[in-house]
C-alpha atoms as a PDB file:
ATOM      1  CA  MET A   1      -4.971 -16.427 -25.104  1.00  0.00           C
ATOM      2  CA  ALA A   2      -3.073 -19.480 -23.790  1.00  0.00           C
ATOM      3  CA  LYS A   3      -4.876 -21.562 -21.308  1.00  0.00           C
ATOM      4  CA  LYS A   4      -3.628 -21.615 -17.817  1.00  0.00           C
ATOM      5  CA  LYS A   5      -2.301 -24.553 -16.266  1.00  0.00           C
ATOM      6  CA  SER A   6      -3.805 -26.159 -13.307  1.00  0.00           C
ATOM      7  CA  TYR A   7      -1.076 -27.117 -10.268  1.00  0.00           C
ATOM      8  CA  GLN A   8      -4.070 -28.225  -7.831  1.00  0.00           C
ATOM      9  CA  ASN A   9      -3.658 -31.863  -8.451  1.00  0.00           C
ATOM     10  CA  LEU A  10       0.335 -32.009  -8.316  1.00  0.00           C
ATOM     11  CA  SER A  11       1.964 -33.678  -5.426  1.00  0.00           C
ATOM     12  CA  LYS A  12       4.271 -31.470  -3.222  1.00  0.00           C
ATOM     13  CA  GLU A  13       7.389 -32.627  -5.044  1.00  0.00           C
ATOM     14  CA  LYS A  14       6.068 -32.145  -8.424  1.00  0.00           C
ATOM     15  CA  LEU A  15       4.739 -28.845  -7.661  1.00  0.00           C
ATOM     16  CA  LEU A  16       8.162 -27.784  -6.247  1.00  0.00           C
ATOM     17  CA  ALA A  17       9.836 -29.294  -9.418  1.00  0.00           C
ATOM     18  CA  GLU A  18       7.488 -27.286 -11.707  1.00  0.00           C
ATOM     19  CA  ILE A  19       8.124 -23.879  -9.556  1.00  0.00           C
ATOM     20  CA  GLU A  20      11.939 -24.435  -9.991  1.00  0.00           C
ATOM     21  CA  ARG A  21      11.614 -25.113 -13.804  1.00  0.00           C
ATOM     22  CA  LEU A  22       9.304 -22.117 -14.013  1.00  0.00           C
ATOM     23  CA  LYS A  23      11.751 -19.929 -12.157  1.00  0.00           C
ATOM     24  CA  LYS A  24      14.713 -21.214 -14.430  1.00  0.00           C
ATOM     25  CA  GLU A  25      12.674 -20.444 -17.636  1.00  0.00           C
ATOM     26  CA  PHE A  26      12.005 -17.017 -16.161  1.00  0.00           C
ATOM     27  CA  LEU A  27      15.465 -16.090 -15.327  1.00  0.00           C
ATOM     28  CA  GLU A  28      16.720 -17.363 -18.683  1.00  0.00           C
ATOM     29  CA  ASN A  29      14.256 -15.397 -20.665  1.00  0.00           C
ATOM     30  CA  ASN A  30      14.036 -12.099 -18.828  1.00  0.00           C
ATOM     31  CA  THR A  31      16.453  -9.421 -17.819  1.00  0.00           C
ATOM     32  CA  VAL A  32      15.286  -6.943 -15.260  1.00  0.00           C
ATOM     33  CA  SER A  33      17.654  -3.877 -14.139  1.00  0.00           C
ATOM     34  CA  ILE A  34      17.539  -3.222 -10.493  1.00  0.00           C
ATOM     35  CA  TYR A  35      15.995   0.177 -11.135  1.00  0.00           C
ATOM     36  CA  GLU A  36      13.148  -1.388 -13.106  1.00  0.00           C
ATOM     37  CA  PHE A  37      12.658  -4.099 -10.458  1.00  0.00           C
ATOM     38  CA  PHE A  38      10.296  -2.295  -8.145  1.00  0.00           C
ATOM     39  CA  TYR A  39       8.009  -0.842 -11.111  1.00  0.00           C
ATOM     40  CA  TRP A  40       8.102  -4.563 -12.653  1.00  0.00           C
ATOM     41  CA  TYR A  41       7.310  -6.227  -9.320  1.00  0.00           C
ATOM     42  CA  ARG A  42       4.395  -4.070  -8.319  1.00  0.00           C
ATOM     43  CA  ILE A  43       2.937  -4.445 -12.011  1.00  0.00           C
ATOM     44  CA  LYS A  44       3.445  -8.154 -11.990  1.00  0.00           C
ATOM     45  CA  SER A  45       2.505  -9.117  -8.338  1.00  0.00           C
ATOM     46  CA  ASN A  46      -0.640  -6.644  -8.473  1.00  0.00           C
ATOM     47  CA  TYR A  47      -2.290  -7.567 -11.866  1.00  0.00           C
ATOM     48  CA  ARG A  48      -1.236 -11.146 -12.739  1.00  0.00           C
ATOM     49  CA  ASP A  49      -3.200 -11.043 -15.970  1.00  0.00           C
ATOM     50  CA  LEU A  50      -6.197  -9.498 -13.752  1.00  0.00           C
ATOM     51  CA  GLU A  51      -6.341 -12.813 -11.899  1.00  0.00           C
ATOM     52  CA  PHE A  52      -7.168 -10.740  -8.726  1.00  0.00           C
ATOM     53  CA  LEU A  53     -10.667 -10.008 -10.174  1.00  0.00           C
ATOM     54  CA  ASP A  54     -11.777 -13.479  -9.682  1.00  0.00           C
ATOM     55  CA  LYS A  55     -10.567 -13.878  -6.139  1.00  0.00           C
ATOM     56  CA  ASP A  56     -11.630 -12.638  -2.894  1.00  0.00           C
ATOM     57  CA  ILE A  57      -8.316 -11.220  -1.670  1.00  0.00           C
ATOM     58  CA  ASP A  58      -8.305 -10.179   1.871  1.00  0.00           C
ATOM     59  CA  ASP A  59      -7.754  -6.487   2.651  1.00  0.00           C
ATOM     60  CA  ARG A  60      -4.922  -7.464   5.046  1.00  0.00           C
ATOM     61  CA  GLN A  61      -2.926  -8.944   2.104  1.00  0.00           C
ATOM     62  CA  PHE A  62      -3.332  -5.861   0.342  1.00  0.00           C
ATOM     63  CA  ARG A  63      -2.116  -3.879   3.146  1.00  0.00           C
ATOM     64  CA  ASP A  64       0.789  -6.103   3.986  1.00  0.00           C
ATOM     65  CA  PHE A  65       1.969  -6.213   0.417  1.00  0.00           C
ATOM     66  CA  TYR A  66       1.925  -2.443  -0.041  1.00  0.00           C
ATOM     67  CA  LYS A  67       3.717  -1.895   3.421  1.00  0.00           C
ATOM     68  CA  ASN A  68       6.344  -4.434   2.544  1.00  0.00           C
ATOM     69  CA  TYR A  69       6.977  -2.790  -0.917  1.00  0.00           C
ATOM     70  CA  PHE A  70       7.039   0.520   0.643  1.00  0.00           C
ATOM     71  CA  GLU A  71       9.763  -0.591   3.139  1.00  0.00           C
ATOM     72  CA  LEU A  72      11.745  -2.516   0.305  1.00  0.00           C
ATOM     73  CA  THR A  73      11.829   0.849  -1.807  1.00  0.00           C
ATOM     74  CA  VAL A  74      12.730   2.966   1.189  1.00  0.00           C
ATOM     75  CA  SER A  75      15.492   0.631   1.867  1.00  0.00           C
ATOM     76  CA  PHE A  76      16.653   0.673  -1.566  1.00  0.00           C
ATOM     77  CA  TYR A  77      16.694   4.421  -1.746  1.00  0.00           C
ATOM     78  CA  GLU A  78      18.629   4.909   1.416  1.00  0.00           C
ATOM     79  CA  ALA A  79      21.177   2.398   0.112  1.00  0.00           C
ATOM     80  CA  LEU A  80      21.602   4.514  -3.144  1.00  0.00           C
ATOM     81  CA  LYS A  81      22.016   7.722  -1.097  1.00  0.00           C
ATOM     82  CA  LYS A  82      25.227   6.344   0.312  1.00  0.00           C
ATOM     83  CA  PHE A  83      26.692   6.232  -3.181  1.00  0.00           C
END
């Protein structure tokens, strides 16, 4: 298993540059259909390589995530119904 990189000691500018680099790398290496997005997003954001097990994540964060996720999927469904 690859060792995770620590970003805690990076300056704000270096952190933002690293985020942009990772985003560009992701977009170049991954293709996600709009129909797969919701499943993929839920899986990736929930599990993050099971990182959530080591963190004390507040119940409100879980609630807010699922509320926003639900609202997004309903909006997508409503948009598709118009076709």
